[in-house]
Amino acid sequence: MASIASLKRISAKDLSERILAERDAAEPTYAIVDVRDDDYIGGHIRGGIHAASAQLDVMMPTLLRRLQDKKTVVFHCALSQQRGPSAALRYLRERVAAADSETPGETDQEVLVLDRGFEGWQQEYGTDERLTEGYRKELWENY
């Protein structure tokens, strides 16, 4: 059984390379799920899905359906210490449970957590408009 400690992480650099490599793809092989709540303001990773942690119970069936064909799903919050890993673990467990009951063996999706969350991301790529949308530097200066 998966645990928060066993979740794999991806660096901002590795994620940015994947995004840029698939920039012109009609349908990327990955999805990014941002589970920040009120702290979502100030920018987000381009193309990401906002699924606030406070709404995760309601959003989970939709996420499972919407992301079922993605090769990789990356979760993050502000620091990826609490909400992001918890959401990733919950998604992974619900995906495995759904696969067990419907189509055994269909759990080959990679579920990752963005190391250092959006805080780390914005330090590296906040001003890069190819990678970040709605970035407001002044909101992050004293973070």
C-alpha atoms as a PDB file:
ATOM      1  CA  MET A   1       0.000   0.000   0.000  1.00  0.00           C
ATOM      2  CA  ALA A   2       1.311   3.436  -0.928  1.00  0.00           C
ATOM      3  CA  SER A   3       2.151   6.012   1.733  1.00  0.00           C
ATOM      4  CA  ILE A   4       3.162   9.665   1.716  1.00  0.00           C
ATOM      5  CA  ALA A   5       6.770   8.593   2.327  1.00  0.00           C
ATOM      6  CA  SER A   6       6.692   6.287  -0.702  1.00  0.00           C
ATOM      7  CA  LEU A   7       5.396   8.923  -3.143  1.00  0.00           C
ATOM      8  CA  LYS A   8       7.879   9.837  -5.842  1.00  0.00           C
ATOM      9  CA  ARG A   9       8.781  13.477  -6.381  1.00  0.00           C
ATOM     10  CA  ILE A  10       9.691  15.471  -9.453  1.00  0.00           C
ATOM     11  CA  SER A  11      11.893  18.568  -9.488  1.00  0.00           C
ATOM     12  CA  ALA A  12      10.757  21.851 -10.989  1.00  0.00           C
ATOM     13  CA  LYS A  13      13.532  21.472 -13.581  1.00  0.00           C
ATOM     14  CA  ASP A  14      12.362  18.014 -14.685  1.00  0.00           C
ATOM     15  CA  LEU A  15       8.725  19.126 -14.825  1.00  0.00           C
ATOM     16  CA  SER A  16       9.590  22.260 -16.812  1.00  0.00           C
ATOM     17  CA  GLU A  17      11.482  20.107 -19.338  1.00  0.00           C
ATOM     18  CA  ARG A  18       8.453  17.828 -19.761  1.00  0.00           C
ATOM     19  CA  ILE A  19       6.138  20.812 -20.238  1.00  0.00           C
ATOM     20  CA  LEU A  20       8.399  22.397 -22.852  1.00  0.00           C
ATOM     21  CA  ALA A  21       8.982  19.079 -24.652  1.00  0.00           C
ATOM     22  CA  GLU A  22       5.222  18.610 -25.081  1.00  0.00           C
ATOM     23  CA  ARG A  23       4.380  22.266 -25.541  1.00  0.00           C
ATOM     24  CA  ASP A  24       3.037  21.798 -29.064  1.00  0.00           C
ATOM     25  CA  ALA A  25       1.361  18.447 -28.445  1.00  0.00           C
ATOM     26  CA  ALA A  26      -2.376  18.400 -29.015  1.00  0.00           C
ATOM     27  CA  GLU A  27      -2.840  16.388 -25.824  1.00  0.00           C
ATOM     28  CA  PRO A  28       0.036  16.262 -23.304  1.00  0.00           C
ATOM     29  CA  THR A  29       0.837  12.902 -21.691  1.00  0.00           C
ATOM     30  CA  TYR A  30       0.919  14.534 -18.248  1.00  0.00           C
ATOM     31  CA  ALA A  31      -1.421  16.547 -16.038  1.00  0.00           C
ATOM     32  CA  ILE A  32      -0.620  18.943 -13.199  1.00  0.00           C
ATOM     33  CA  VAL A  33      -3.052  19.245 -10.310  1.00  0.00           C
ATOM     34  CA  ASP A  34      -2.732  22.310  -8.071  1.00  0.00           C
ATOM     35  CA  VAL A  35      -4.500  21.737  -4.752  1.00  0.00           C
ATOM     36  CA  ARG A  36      -3.805  25.148  -3.207  1.00  0.00           C
ATOM     37  CA  ASP A  37      -6.817  26.876  -1.695  1.00  0.00           C
ATOM     38  CA  ASP A  38      -6.856  30.666  -1.141  1.00  0.00           C
ATOM     39  CA  ASP A  39      -3.102  30.684  -1.758  1.00  0.00           C
ATOM     40  CA  TYR A  40      -3.764  29.894  -5.457  1.00  0.00           C
ATOM     41  CA  ILE A  41      -3.635  33.607  -6.275  1.00  0.00           C
ATOM     42  CA  GLY A  42      -0.364  34.959  -7.602  1.00  0.00           C
ATOM     43  CA  GLY A  43       0.226  32.460 -10.375  1.00  0.00           C
ATOM     44  CA  HIS A  44       0.035  28.841 -11.403  1.00  0.00           C
ATOM     45  CA  ILE A  45       1.755  26.360 -13.665  1.00  0.00           C
ATOM     46  CA  ARG A  46       0.539  26.773 -17.239  1.00  0.00           C
ATOM     47  CA  GLY A  47      -2.078  24.202 -18.183  1.00  0.00           C
ATOM     48  CA  GLY A  48      -2.564  22.950 -14.636  1.00  0.00           C
ATOM     49  CA  ILE A  49      -5.884  21.938 -13.121  1.00  0.00           C
ATOM     50  CA  HIS A  50      -6.975  23.794 -10.002  1.00  0.00           C
ATOM     51  CA  ALA A  51      -8.606  21.379  -7.560  1.00  0.00           C
ATOM     52  CA  ALA A  52      -8.572  23.153  -4.194  1.00  0.00           C
ATOM     53  CA  SER A  53      -7.873  20.759  -1.329  1.00  0.00           C
ATOM     54  CA  ALA A  54     -11.039  21.969   0.423  1.00  0.00           C
ATOM     55  CA  GLN A  55     -13.036  20.716  -2.602  1.00  0.00           C
ATOM     56  CA  LEU A  56     -11.102  17.505  -3.203  1.00  0.00           C
ATOM     57  CA  ASP A  57     -13.871  15.209  -1.936  1.00  0.00           C
ATOM     58  CA  VAL A  58     -16.227  16.608  -4.553  1.00  0.00           C
ATOM     59  CA  MET A  59     -13.586  16.833  -7.298  1.00  0.00           C
ATOM     60  CA  MET A  60     -12.029  13.355  -6.945  1.00  0.00           C
ATOM     61  CA  PRO A  61     -14.456  11.432  -9.208  1.00  0.00           C
ATOM     62  CA  THR A  62     -14.001  14.089 -11.904  1.00  0.00           C
ATOM     63  CA  LEU A  63     -10.210  13.991 -11.566  1.00  0.00           C
ATOM     64  CA  LEU A  64     -10.157  10.199 -11.788  1.00  0.00           C
ATOM     65  CA  ARG A  65     -12.237  10.307 -14.973  1.00  0.00           C
ATOM     66  CA  ARG A  66     -10.481  13.304 -16.537  1.00  0.00           C
ATOM     67  CA  LEU A  67      -6.951  12.052 -15.876  1.00  0.00           C
ATOM     68  CA  GLN A  68      -7.412   8.344 -16.558  1.00  0.00           C
ATOM     69  CA  ASP A  69      -5.506   8.414 -19.869  1.00  0.00           C
ATOM     70  CA  LYS A  70      -2.579  10.526 -18.674  1.00  0.00           C
ATOM     71  CA  LYS A  71       0.790   8.808 -18.386  1.00  0.00           C
ATOM     72  CA  THR A  72       1.862  11.058 -15.493  1.00  0.00           C
ATOM     73  CA  VAL A  73      -0.073  13.130 -12.945  1.00  0.00           C
ATOM     74  CA  VAL A  74       1.803  15.670 -10.810  1.00  0.00           C
ATOM     75  CA  PHE A  75       0.231  17.083  -7.639  1.00  0.00           C
ATOM     76  CA  HIS A  76       1.388  20.158  -5.752  1.00  0.00           C
ATOM     77  CA  CYS A  77       0.378  22.802  -3.244  1.00  0.00           C
ATOM     78  CA  ALA A  78       2.382  25.786  -1.987  1.00  0.00           C
ATOM     79  CA  LEU A  79       5.269  23.784  -0.505  1.00  0.00           C
ATOM     80  CA  SER A  80       4.232  20.196  -1.354  1.00  0.00           C
ATOM     81  CA  GLN A  81       4.605  19.152   2.251  1.00  0.00           C
ATOM     82  CA  GLN A  82       0.982  18.531   3.269  1.00  0.00           C
ATOM     83  CA  ARG A  83      -1.887  19.140   0.839  1.00  0.00           C
ATOM     84  CA  GLY A  84      -0.089  18.121  -2.355  1.00  0.00           C
ATOM     85  CA  PRO A  85       1.242  14.787  -1.075  1.00  0.00           C
ATOM     86  CA  SER A  86      -2.054  14.009   0.707  1.00  0.00           C
ATOM     87  CA  ALA A  87      -4.024  14.672  -2.486  1.00  0.00           C
ATOM     88  CA  ALA A  88      -1.601  12.577  -4.556  1.00  0.00           C
ATOM     89  CA  LEU A  89      -1.887   9.680  -2.121  1.00  0.00           C
ATOM     90  CA  ARG A  90      -5.670   9.874  -2.062  1.00  0.00           C
ATOM     91  CA  TYR A  91      -5.837  10.025  -5.870  1.00  0.00           C
ATOM     92  CA  LEU A  92      -3.472   7.064  -6.162  1.00  0.00           C
ATOM     93  CA  ARG A  93      -5.441   4.967  -3.669  1.00  0.00           C
ATOM     94  CA  GLU A  94      -8.786   5.776  -5.305  1.00  0.00           C
ATOM     95  CA  ARG A  95      -7.366   5.026  -8.740  1.00  0.00           C
ATOM     96  CA  VAL A  96      -6.070   1.644  -7.569  1.00  0.00           C
ATOM     97  CA  ALA A  97      -9.407   0.865  -5.885  1.00  0.00           C
ATOM     98  CA  ALA A  98     -11.312   1.775  -9.052  1.00  0.00           C
ATOM     99  CA  ALA A  99      -8.960  -0.320 -11.197  1.00  0.00           C
ATOM    100  CA  ASP A 100      -9.348  -3.309  -8.867  1.00  0.00           C
ATOM    101  CA  SER A 101     -13.113  -3.198  -9.193  1.00  0.00           C
ATOM    102  CA  GLU A 102     -13.322  -2.450 -12.929  1.00  0.00           C
ATOM    103  CA  THR A 103     -10.249  -3.284 -14.964  1.00  0.00           C
ATOM    104  CA  PRO A 104      -7.544  -5.047 -12.982  1.00  0.00           C
ATOM    105  CA  GLY A 105      -3.992  -4.159 -13.931  1.00  0.00           C
ATOM    106  CA  GLU A 106      -4.747  -0.672 -15.234  1.00  0.00           C
ATOM    107  CA  THR A 107      -2.645   1.250 -12.702  1.00  0.00           C
ATOM    108  CA  ASP A 108       0.372   2.053 -14.840  1.00  0.00           C
ATOM    109  CA  GLN A 109      -0.037   5.797 -14.327  1.00  0.00           C
ATOM    110  CA  GLU A 110       2.846   7.585 -12.624  1.00  0.00           C
ATOM    111  CA  VAL A 111       1.671   9.810  -9.745  1.00  0.00           C
ATOM    112  CA  LEU A 112       4.229  12.368  -8.566  1.00  0.00           C
ATOM    113  CA  VAL A 113       4.528  15.301  -6.177  1.00  0.00           C
ATOM    114  CA  LEU A 114       6.249  18.513  -7.284  1.00  0.00           C
ATOM    115  CA  ASP A 115       9.235  18.954  -5.007  1.00  0.00           C
ATOM    116  CA  ARG A 116       9.113  22.278  -3.108  1.00  0.00           C
ATOM    117  CA  GLY A 117       5.619  23.009  -4.529  1.00  0.00           C
ATOM    118  CA  PHE A 118       4.661  26.241  -6.218  1.00  0.00           C
ATOM    119  CA  GLU A 119       6.963  28.169  -3.896  1.00  0.00           C
ATOM    120  CA  GLY A 120       9.977  26.411  -5.416  1.00  0.00           C
ATOM    121  CA  TRP A 121       8.480  26.546  -8.905  1.00  0.00           C
ATOM    122  CA  GLN A 122       7.905  30.295  -8.865  1.00  0.00           C
ATOM    123  CA  GLN A 123      11.478  30.937  -7.690  1.00  0.00           C
ATOM    124  CA  GLU A 124      12.764  29.251 -10.845  1.00  0.00           C
ATOM    125  CA  TYR A 125      10.020  29.789 -13.422  1.00  0.00           C
ATOM    126  CA  GLY A 126       7.613  32.428 -12.096  1.00  0.00           C
ATOM    127  CA  THR A 127       8.469  34.979 -14.759  1.00  0.00           C
ATOM    128  CA  ASP A 128       8.695  32.431 -17.612  1.00  0.00           C
ATOM    129  CA  GLU A 129       5.367  32.872 -19.418  1.00  0.00           C
ATOM    130  CA  ARG A 130       5.866  29.612 -21.320  1.00  0.00           C
ATOM    131  CA  LEU A 131       5.604  27.804 -17.979  1.00  0.00           C
ATOM    132  CA  THR A 132       3.676  30.031 -15.562  1.00  0.00           C
ATOM    133  CA  GLU A 133       0.365  31.881 -15.933  1.00  0.00           C
ATOM    134  CA  GLY A 134      -0.949  34.808 -13.914  1.00  0.00           C
ATOM    135  CA  TYR A 135       2.306  35.312 -12.028  1.00  0.00           C
ATOM    136  CA  ARG A 136       2.381  38.266  -9.639  1.00  0.00           C
ATOM    137  CA  LYS A 137       5.914  38.633  -8.336  1.00  0.00           C
ATOM    138  CA  GLU A 138       4.970  41.123  -5.614  1.00  0.00           C
ATOM    139  CA  LEU A 139       2.841  38.474  -3.885  1.00  0.00           C
ATOM    140  CA  TRP A 140       5.851  36.166  -3.570  1.00  0.00           C
ATOM    141  CA  GLU A 141       8.548  38.606  -2.462  1.00  0.00           C
ATOM    142  CA  ASN A 142       7.956  38.068   1.255  1.00  0.00           C
ATOM    143  CA  TYR A 143       6.777  34.463   1.075  1.00  0.00           C
END
